[in-house]
Amino acid sequence: MIRLRAVLFAILIAVLPCAVFAQQLTVSAAASLTEAFNEVGAKFQALHPDVTVRFNFAASGVLLQQIREGAPVDVFASADEQTVTRGVQAGLFDAATRRDFAANELVLIVPAAQGSPVKSVADLSNPAVRRIAIGKTSTVPVGRYTQQALEKALLWNALTLKFVQADSVRQVLDYVSRGEAEAGFVYRTDAVLMPGKVEIVQTVGGHDPVTYPVVAVSASHEQALAKAFIDYLLSPAAQGVLKRHGFSQP
């Protein structure tokens, strides 16, 4: 028994430093960043072996609400400027840490290999197009970009009854890839994830620039680590990852 206790004590002493000094960084990020951030996080951890990066991916507006309700988050990366600005105004984010780290494009997609009549935004008025997938404008940035583009084209009101509201840009992608919508609006980086299932028919303009800001959460207990992650996002290594996943510099 004494020997067993000695062994257990030795194991505890060996593990204790890791338990005491290990740090966890929680990053809430827009759904469109999923693949790129998983790779960036692995590289960041390789540089900081004592750090574990945990990601929470969802629509930017949903993530903001979670933080507002007290979710323990250290870093927030949004698919739009408006969501971060709202958080700064509410005192949730440290405005001094805010940085734009990536950019994207809004595209119109259709199911691939189905002979779609949709070749541009103007074709969405075609009676054959019954369902158009868009992000919820209240919580999903891609939905707000879509609304701006369609209002610019004087089509928003005319198409309202065709809209299928989605909880994230990835849900829009799923609706179109499964043929549950004849068209949809997503980011270019999302569309290229499903070659053979969706087809980009138009790069859509008439909206605010699609830029991605990142910011430290004011309530974070890992402020130094949060700022280190933000700095890393702007490094050549992280920018290279983002570029490989289709993002451009802001």
C-alpha atoms as a PDB file:
ATOM      1  CA  MET A   1       0.000   0.000   0.000  1.00  0.00           C
ATOM      2  CA  ILE A   2       2.834   2.379   0.943  1.00  0.00           C
ATOM      3  CA  ARG A   3       4.589   1.605  -2.338  1.00  0.00           C
ATOM      4  CA  LEU A   4       1.368   2.223  -4.287  1.00  0.00           C
ATOM      5  CA  ARG A   5       0.928   5.585  -2.573  1.00  0.00           C
ATOM      6  CA  ALA A   6       4.499   6.480  -3.426  1.00  0.00           C
ATOM      7  CA  VAL A   7       3.890   5.667  -7.087  1.00  0.00           C
ATOM      8  CA  LEU A   8       0.677   7.692  -7.144  1.00  0.00           C
ATOM      9  CA  PHE A   9       2.446  10.615  -5.486  1.00  0.00           C
ATOM     10  CA  ALA A  10       5.219  10.477  -8.080  1.00  0.00           C
ATOM     11  CA  ILE A  11       2.642  10.525 -10.875  1.00  0.00           C
ATOM     12  CA  LEU A  12       0.875  13.474  -9.246  1.00  0.00           C
ATOM     13  CA  ILE A  13       4.136  15.426  -8.990  1.00  0.00           C
ATOM     14  CA  ALA A  14       4.872  14.717 -12.658  1.00  0.00           C
ATOM     15  CA  VAL A  15       1.438  15.843 -13.813  1.00  0.00           C
ATOM     16  CA  LEU A  16       0.991  18.767 -11.431  1.00  0.00           C
ATOM     17  CA  PRO A  17       3.154  21.289 -13.306  1.00  0.00           C
ATOM     18  CA  CYS A  18       1.093  20.774 -16.422  1.00  0.00           C
ATOM     19  CA  ALA A  19      -2.135  21.105 -14.455  1.00  0.00           C
ATOM     20  CA  VAL A  20      -0.937  24.279 -12.759  1.00  0.00           C
ATOM     21  CA  PHE A  21       0.684  26.035 -15.682  1.00  0.00           C
ATOM     22  CA  ALA A  22      -1.410  24.850 -18.637  1.00  0.00           C
ATOM     23  CA  GLN A  23      -3.406  27.714 -20.152  1.00  0.00           C
ATOM     24  CA  GLN A  24      -6.583  27.529 -22.183  1.00  0.00           C
ATOM     25  CA  LEU A  25      -7.489  30.131 -24.791  1.00  0.00           C
ATOM     26  CA  THR A  26     -11.110  30.159 -25.906  1.00  0.00           C
ATOM     27  CA  VAL A  27     -11.735  31.698 -29.314  1.00  0.00           C
ATOM     28  CA  SER A  28     -15.247  32.333 -30.618  1.00  0.00           C
ATOM     29  CA  ALA A  29     -15.091  32.702 -34.391  1.00  0.00           C
ATOM     30  CA  ALA A  30     -17.380  33.081 -37.395  1.00  0.00           C
ATOM     31  CA  ALA A  31     -18.432  29.781 -38.946  1.00  0.00           C
ATOM     32  CA  SER A  32     -16.702  30.624 -42.229  1.00  0.00           C
ATOM     33  CA  LEU A  33     -13.353  30.529 -40.414  1.00  0.00           C
ATOM     34  CA  THR A  34     -13.692  26.927 -39.225  1.00  0.00           C
ATOM     35  CA  GLU A  35     -11.130  25.144 -41.399  1.00  0.00           C
ATOM     36  CA  ALA A  36      -8.598  27.985 -41.482  1.00  0.00           C
ATOM     37  CA  PHE A  37      -8.738  28.620 -37.734  1.00  0.00           C
ATOM     38  CA  ASN A  38      -8.382  24.942 -36.856  1.00  0.00           C
ATOM     39  CA  GLU A  39      -5.096  24.992 -38.765  1.00  0.00           C
ATOM     40  CA  VAL A  40      -4.028  28.352 -37.341  1.00  0.00           C
ATOM     41  CA  GLY A  41      -4.824  27.114 -33.826  1.00  0.00           C
ATOM     42  CA  ALA A  42      -2.643  24.030 -34.263  1.00  0.00           C
ATOM     43  CA  LYS A  43       0.262  26.186 -35.402  1.00  0.00           C
ATOM     44  CA  PHE A  44      -0.224  28.595 -32.501  1.00  0.00           C
ATOM     45  CA  GLN A  45      -0.218  25.702 -30.038  1.00  0.00           C
ATOM     46  CA  ALA A  46       2.995  24.372 -31.575  1.00  0.00           C
ATOM     47  CA  LEU A  47       4.615  27.701 -30.694  1.00  0.00           C
ATOM     48  CA  HIS A  48       3.046  27.664 -27.217  1.00  0.00           C
ATOM     49  CA  PRO A  49       3.175  24.034 -25.964  1.00  0.00           C
ATOM     50  CA  ASP A  50       1.670  25.030 -22.627  1.00  0.00           C
ATOM     51  CA  VAL A  51      -1.455  26.458 -24.287  1.00  0.00           C
ATOM     52  CA  THR A  52      -4.624  24.725 -25.431  1.00  0.00           C
ATOM     53  CA  VAL A  53      -6.746  26.611 -27.957  1.00  0.00           C
ATOM     54  CA  ARG A  54     -10.454  25.826 -27.897  1.00  0.00           C
ATOM     55  CA  PHE A  55     -12.678  27.102 -30.701  1.00  0.00           C
ATOM     56  CA  ASN A  56     -16.381  27.859 -30.761  1.00  0.00           C
ATOM     57  CA  PHE A  57     -17.696  28.385 -34.311  1.00  0.00           C
ATOM     58  CA  ALA A  58     -21.112  29.851 -35.108  1.00  0.00           C
ATOM     59  CA  ALA A  59     -22.763  32.886 -36.679  1.00  0.00           C
ATOM     60  CA  SER A  60     -21.093  36.085 -35.486  1.00  0.00           C
ATOM     61  CA  GLY A  61     -24.294  37.507 -33.988  1.00  0.00           C
ATOM     62  CA  VAL A  62     -24.940  34.302 -32.058  1.00  0.00           C
ATOM     63  CA  LEU A  63     -21.414  34.377 -30.644  1.00  0.00           C
ATOM     64  CA  LEU A  64     -21.826  38.001 -29.591  1.00  0.00           C
ATOM     65  CA  GLN A  65     -24.992  37.107 -27.715  1.00  0.00           C
ATOM     66  CA  GLN A  66     -23.207  34.241 -25.948  1.00  0.00           C
ATOM     67  CA  ILE A  67     -20.466  36.627 -24.808  1.00  0.00           C
ATOM     68  CA  ARG A  68     -23.084  39.160 -23.720  1.00  0.00           C
ATOM     69  CA  GLU A  69     -24.661  36.423 -21.570  1.00  0.00           C
ATOM     70  CA  GLY A  70     -21.352  35.645 -19.872  1.00  0.00           C
ATOM     71  CA  ALA A  71     -19.802  32.875 -21.933  1.00  0.00           C
ATOM     72  CA  PRO A  72     -16.097  32.541 -20.962  1.00  0.00           C
ATOM     73  CA  VAL A  73     -14.398  33.708 -24.165  1.00  0.00           C
ATOM     74  CA  ASP A  74     -10.973  35.278 -24.642  1.00  0.00           C
ATOM     75  CA  VAL A  75     -10.924  36.225 -28.337  1.00  0.00           C
ATOM     76  CA  PHE A  76     -13.723  37.037 -30.771  1.00  0.00           C
ATOM     77  CA  ALA A  77     -13.312  36.904 -34.561  1.00  0.00           C
ATOM     78  CA  SER A  78     -16.263  38.152 -36.597  1.00  0.00           C
ATOM     79  CA  ALA A  79     -17.231  38.016 -40.267  1.00  0.00           C
ATOM     80  CA  ASP A  80     -18.250  41.665 -40.167  1.00  0.00           C
ATOM     81  CA  GLU A  81     -17.343  44.973 -38.592  1.00  0.00           C
ATOM     82  CA  GLN A  82     -20.827  45.760 -37.308  1.00  0.00           C
ATOM     83  CA  THR A  83     -20.940  42.910 -34.797  1.00  0.00           C
ATOM     84  CA  VAL A  84     -17.603  43.861 -33.243  1.00  0.00           C
ATOM     85  CA  THR A  85     -18.621  47.521 -33.116  1.00  0.00           C
ATOM     86  CA  ARG A  86     -21.776  46.599 -31.193  1.00  0.00           C
ATOM     87  CA  GLY A  87     -19.673  44.613 -28.736  1.00  0.00           C
ATOM     88  CA  VAL A  88     -17.223  47.480 -28.271  1.00  0.00           C
ATOM     89  CA  GLN A  89     -20.075  49.905 -27.636  1.00  0.00           C
ATOM     90  CA  ALA A  90     -21.480  47.511 -25.034  1.00  0.00           C
ATOM     91  CA  GLY A  91     -18.120  47.339 -23.247  1.00  0.00           C
ATOM     92  CA  LEU A  92     -17.653  43.654 -24.083  1.00  0.00           C
ATOM     93  CA  PHE A  93     -14.457  44.058 -26.113  1.00  0.00           C
ATOM     94  CA  ASP A  94     -11.141  45.846 -25.710  1.00  0.00           C
ATOM     95  CA  ALA A  95     -11.251  48.281 -28.627  1.00  0.00           C
ATOM     96  CA  ALA A  96      -7.478  48.831 -28.469  1.00  0.00           C
ATOM     97  CA  THR A  97      -6.901  45.215 -29.553  1.00  0.00           C
ATOM     98  CA  ARG A  98      -9.200  45.321 -32.578  1.00  0.00           C
ATOM     99  CA  ARG A  99      -7.526  44.309 -35.851  1.00  0.00           C
ATOM    100  CA  ASP A 100      -8.747  43.399 -39.349  1.00  0.00           C
ATOM    101  CA  PHE A 101      -7.003  40.194 -40.382  1.00  0.00           C
ATOM    102  CA  ALA A 102      -8.812  38.824 -43.459  1.00  0.00           C
ATOM    103  CA  ALA A 103     -11.260  39.602 -46.257  1.00  0.00           C
ATOM    104  CA  ASN A 104     -13.693  37.581 -48.329  1.00  0.00           C
ATOM    105  CA  GLU A 105     -16.192  37.832 -51.192  1.00  0.00           C
ATOM    106  CA  LEU A 106     -19.948  37.338 -51.362  1.00  0.00           C
ATOM    107  CA  VAL A 107     -20.981  34.908 -54.104  1.00  0.00           C
ATOM    108  CA  LEU A 108     -24.228  33.561 -55.515  1.00  0.00           C
ATOM    109  CA  ILE A 109     -24.311  29.762 -55.686  1.00  0.00           C
ATOM    110  CA  VAL A 110     -26.627  27.155 -57.188  1.00  0.00           C
ATOM    111  CA  PRO A 111     -26.717  23.355 -56.965  1.00  0.00           C
ATOM    112  CA  ALA A 112     -24.122  21.936 -59.353  1.00  0.00           C
ATOM    113  CA  ALA A 113     -24.984  19.915 -62.458  1.00  0.00           C
ATOM    114  CA  GLN A 114     -28.711  20.678 -62.362  1.00  0.00           C
ATOM    115  CA  GLY A 115     -28.961  23.046 -65.300  1.00  0.00           C
ATOM    116  CA  SER A 116     -29.931  25.965 -63.091  1.00  0.00           C
ATOM    117  CA  PRO A 117     -31.663  28.918 -64.758  1.00  0.00           C
ATOM    118  CA  VAL A 118     -29.790  31.209 -62.362  1.00  0.00           C
ATOM    119  CA  LYS A 119     -26.737  32.808 -63.927  1.00  0.00           C
ATOM    120  CA  SER A 120     -26.835  36.082 -62.005  1.00  0.00           C
ATOM    121  CA  VAL A 121     -28.745  37.924 -59.283  1.00  0.00           C
ATOM    122  CA  ALA A 122     -31.211  39.196 -61.901  1.00  0.00           C
ATOM    123  CA  ASP A 123     -32.343  35.608 -62.581  1.00  0.00           C
ATOM    124  CA  LEU A 124     -33.587  35.127 -59.017  1.00  0.00           C
ATOM    125  CA  SER A 125     -36.921  36.616 -60.102  1.00  0.00           C
ATOM    126  CA  ASN A 126     -37.454  33.624 -62.413  1.00  0.00           C
ATOM    127  CA  PRO A 127     -40.611  31.701 -61.317  1.00  0.00           C
ATOM    128  CA  ALA A 128     -38.551  28.481 -61.457  1.00  0.00           C
ATOM    129  CA  VAL A 129     -36.587  29.776 -58.474  1.00  0.00           C
ATOM    130  CA  ARG A 130     -38.816  29.098 -55.493  1.00  0.00           C
ATOM    131  CA  ARG A 131     -36.328  29.064 -52.583  1.00  0.00           C
ATOM    132  CA  ILE A 132     -33.305  31.294 -52.019  1.00  0.00           C
ATOM    133  CA  ALA A 133     -31.165  30.511 -48.979  1.00  0.00           C
ATOM    134  CA  ILE A 134     -29.846  33.509 -47.053  1.00  0.00           C
ATOM    135  CA  GLY A 135     -28.377  34.040 -43.601  1.00  0.00           C
ATOM    136  CA  LYS A 136     -30.630  35.551 -40.960  1.00  0.00           C
ATOM    137  CA  THR A 137     -30.024  39.272 -41.196  1.00  0.00           C
ATOM    138  CA  SER A 138     -30.310  39.748 -37.431  1.00  0.00           C
ATOM    139  CA  THR A 139     -27.447  37.410 -36.509  1.00  0.00           C
ATOM    140  CA  VAL A 140     -25.589  36.227 -39.641  1.00  0.00           C
ATOM    141  CA  PRO A 141     -23.296  38.751 -41.367  1.00  0.00           C
ATOM    142  CA  VAL A 142     -23.618  37.061 -44.758  1.00  0.00           C
ATOM    143  CA  GLY A 143     -27.353  37.753 -44.516  1.00  0.00           C
ATOM    144  CA  ARG A 144     -26.738  41.457 -44.029  1.00  0.00           C
ATOM    145  CA  TYR A 145     -24.322  41.570 -46.968  1.00  0.00           C
ATOM    146  CA  THR A 146     -26.966  39.763 -49.026  1.00  0.00           C
ATOM    147  CA  GLN A 147     -29.648  42.257 -48.047  1.00  0.00           C
ATOM    148  CA  GLN A 148     -27.415  45.180 -48.988  1.00  0.00           C
ATOM    149  CA  ALA A 149     -26.637  43.633 -52.379  1.00  0.00           C
ATOM    150  CA  LEU A 150     -30.263  42.824 -53.192  1.00  0.00           C
ATOM    151  CA  GLU A 151     -31.471  46.244 -52.056  1.00  0.00           C
ATOM    152  CA  LYS A 152     -28.860  47.788 -54.322  1.00  0.00           C
ATOM    153  CA  ALA A 153     -30.229  45.667 -57.169  1.00  0.00           C
ATOM    154  CA  LEU A 154     -33.813  46.691 -56.220  1.00  0.00           C
ATOM    155  CA  LEU A 155     -34.723  43.027 -55.671  1.00  0.00           C
ATOM    156  CA  TRP A 156     -34.933  42.603 -51.892  1.00  0.00           C
ATOM    157  CA  ASN A 157     -38.666  43.284 -51.497  1.00  0.00           C
ATOM    158  CA  ALA A 158     -39.596  41.376 -54.643  1.00  0.00           C
ATOM    159  CA  LEU A 159     -37.769  38.232 -53.469  1.00  0.00           C
ATOM    160  CA  THR A 160     -38.758  38.250 -49.798  1.00  0.00           C
ATOM    161  CA  LEU A 161     -41.287  35.397 -50.076  1.00  0.00           C
ATOM    162  CA  LYS A 162     -38.624  33.141 -51.581  1.00  0.00           C
ATOM    163  CA  PHE A 163     -36.124  33.487 -48.748  1.00  0.00           C
ATOM    164  CA  VAL A 164     -35.167  30.483 -46.645  1.00  0.00           C
ATOM    165  CA  GLN A 165     -33.572  31.827 -43.477  1.00  0.00           C
ATOM    166  CA  ALA A 166     -30.424  30.059 -42.255  1.00  0.00           C
ATOM    167  CA  ASP A 167     -28.682  30.168 -38.872  1.00  0.00           C
ATOM    168  CA  SER A 168     -25.191  30.408 -40.387  1.00  0.00           C
ATOM    169  CA  VAL A 169     -23.412  30.688 -43.710  1.00  0.00           C
ATOM    170  CA  ARG A 170     -22.675  26.952 -43.516  1.00  0.00           C
ATOM    171  CA  GLN A 171     -26.384  26.195 -43.276  1.00  0.00           C
ATOM    172  CA  VAL A 172     -26.952  28.250 -46.432  1.00  0.00           C
ATOM    173  CA  LEU A 173     -24.274  26.142 -48.106  1.00  0.00           C
ATOM    174  CA  ASP A 174     -25.962  22.936 -46.932  1.00  0.00           C
ATOM    175  CA  TYR A 175     -29.388  24.006 -48.196  1.00  0.00           C
ATOM    176  CA  VAL A 176     -28.047  24.673 -51.682  1.00  0.00           C
ATOM    177  CA  SER A 177     -25.764  21.625 -51.826  1.00  0.00           C
ATOM    178  CA  ARG A 178     -28.709  19.358 -50.976  1.00  0.00           C
ATOM    179  CA  GLY A 179     -30.967  21.029 -53.535  1.00  0.00           C
ATOM    180  CA  GLU A 180     -33.283  22.339 -50.826  1.00  0.00           C
ATOM    181  CA  ALA A 181     -32.852  25.827 -52.287  1.00  0.00           C
ATOM    182  CA  GLU A 182     -32.384  26.773 -55.933  1.00  0.00           C
ATOM    183  CA  ALA A 183     -29.840  29.438 -55.012  1.00  0.00           C
ATOM    184  CA  GLY A 184     -28.067  30.965 -52.041  1.00  0.00           C
ATOM    185  CA  PHE A 185     -25.564  33.579 -50.928  1.00  0.00           C
ATOM    186  CA  VAL A 186     -22.350  32.504 -49.193  1.00  0.00           C
ATOM    187  CA  TYR A 187     -18.711  33.538 -48.992  1.00  0.00           C
ATOM    188  CA  ARG A 188     -16.349  32.358 -51.696  1.00  0.00           C
ATOM    189  CA  THR A 189     -14.321  30.429 -49.120  1.00  0.00           C
ATOM    190  CA  ASP A 190     -17.408  28.402 -48.197  1.00  0.00           C
ATOM    191  CA  ALA A 191     -18.467  27.682 -51.765  1.00  0.00           C
ATOM    192  CA  VAL A 192     -15.111  26.142 -52.687  1.00  0.00           C
ATOM    193  CA  LEU A 193     -15.508  23.582 -49.898  1.00  0.00           C
ATOM    194  CA  MET A 194     -18.129  21.736 -51.955  1.00  0.00           C
ATOM    195  CA  PRO A 195     -16.856  21.299 -55.518  1.00  0.00           C
ATOM    196  CA  GLY A 196     -19.263  19.209 -57.529  1.00  0.00           C
ATOM    197  CA  LYS A 197     -22.130  20.043 -55.176  1.00  0.00           C
ATOM    198  CA  VAL A 198     -22.454  23.793 -55.578  1.00  0.00           C
ATOM    199  CA  GLU A 199     -21.443  26.138 -58.365  1.00  0.00           C
ATOM    200  CA  ILE A 200     -20.530  29.810 -58.115  1.00  0.00           C
ATOM    201  CA  VAL A 201     -22.444  31.738 -60.760  1.00  0.00           C
ATOM    202  CA  GLN A 202     -21.612  35.309 -59.736  1.00  0.00           C
ATOM    203  CA  THR A 203     -19.399  37.330 -57.453  1.00  0.00           C
ATOM    204  CA  VAL A 204     -21.869  39.757 -55.895  1.00  0.00           C
ATOM    205  CA  GLY A 205     -21.193  43.448 -55.268  1.00  0.00           C
ATOM    206  CA  GLY A 206     -23.250  46.299 -53.878  1.00  0.00           C
ATOM    207  CA  HIS A 207     -22.503  45.671 -50.200  1.00  0.00           C
ATOM    208  CA  ASP A 208     -20.037  46.661 -47.491  1.00  0.00           C
ATOM    209  CA  PRO A 209     -16.566  45.115 -47.803  1.00  0.00           C
ATOM    210  CA  VAL A 210     -16.449  41.631 -46.265  1.00  0.00           C
ATOM    211  CA  THR A 211     -13.717  42.092 -43.680  1.00  0.00           C
ATOM    212  CA  TYR A 212     -12.936  40.015 -40.603  1.00  0.00           C
ATOM    213  CA  PRO A 213     -12.009  41.852 -37.382  1.00  0.00           C
ATOM    214  CA  VAL A 214     -10.627  40.141 -34.282  1.00  0.00           C
ATOM    215  CA  VAL A 215     -10.677  41.557 -30.765  1.00  0.00           C
ATOM    216  CA  ALA A 216      -9.913  40.555 -27.174  1.00  0.00           C
ATOM    217  CA  VAL A 217     -12.880  40.060 -24.847  1.00  0.00           C
ATOM    218  CA  SER A 218     -12.785  42.510 -21.932  1.00  0.00           C
ATOM    219  CA  ALA A 219     -13.750  39.877 -19.350  1.00  0.00           C
ATOM    220  CA  SER A 220     -11.011  37.462 -20.428  1.00  0.00           C
ATOM    221  CA  HIS A 221      -8.673  36.197 -17.720  1.00  0.00           C
ATOM    222  CA  GLU A 222      -6.029  35.540 -20.409  1.00  0.00           C
ATOM    223  CA  GLN A 223      -5.483  39.045 -21.751  1.00  0.00           C
ATOM    224  CA  ALA A 224      -1.803  38.590 -22.622  1.00  0.00           C
ATOM    225  CA  LEU A 225      -2.488  35.293 -24.354  1.00  0.00           C
ATOM    226  CA  ALA A 226      -5.466  36.760 -26.215  1.00  0.00           C
ATOM    227  CA  LYS A 227      -3.290  39.579 -27.535  1.00  0.00           C
ATOM    228  CA  ALA A 228      -0.594  37.065 -28.516  1.00  0.00           C
ATOM    229  CA  PHE A 229      -3.149  35.128 -30.577  1.00  0.00           C
ATOM    230  CA  ILE A 230      -4.351  38.321 -32.260  1.00  0.00           C
ATOM    231  CA  ASP A 231      -0.772  39.237 -33.114  1.00  0.00           C
ATOM    232  CA  TYR A 232      -0.227  35.744 -34.500  1.00  0.00           C
ATOM    233  CA  LEU A 233      -3.218  36.109 -36.823  1.00  0.00           C
ATOM    234  CA  LEU A 234      -1.383  38.987 -38.500  1.00  0.00           C
ATOM    235  CA  SER A 235       1.872  37.033 -38.833  1.00  0.00           C
ATOM    236  CA  PRO A 236       3.090  35.700 -42.212  1.00  0.00           C
ATOM    237  CA  ALA A 237       2.502  32.112 -41.027  1.00  0.00           C
ATOM    238  CA  ALA A 238      -1.163  32.661 -40.135  1.00  0.00           C
ATOM    239  CA  GLN A 239      -1.772  34.853 -43.169  1.00  0.00           C
ATOM    240  CA  GLY A 240      -0.372  32.052 -45.318  1.00  0.00           C
ATOM    241  CA  VAL A 241      -2.909  29.629 -43.851  1.00  0.00           C
ATOM    242  CA  LEU A 242      -5.756  32.048 -44.451  1.00  0.00           C
ATOM    243  CA  LYS A 243      -4.623  32.593 -48.038  1.00  0.00           C
ATOM    244  CA  ARG A 244      -4.557  28.836 -48.702  1.00  0.00           C
ATOM    245  CA  HIS A 245      -8.141  28.680 -47.492  1.00  0.00           C
ATOM    246  CA  GLY A 246      -9.188  31.406 -49.928  1.00  0.00           C
ATOM    247  CA  PHE A 247      -9.131  34.489 -47.730  1.00  0.00           C
ATOM    248  CA  SER A 248      -7.402  37.663 -48.835  1.00  0.00           C
ATOM    249  CA  GLN A 249      -5.777  40.431 -46.861  1.00  0.00           C
ATOM    250  CA  PRO A 250      -8.114  43.221 -45.716  1.00  0.00           C
END
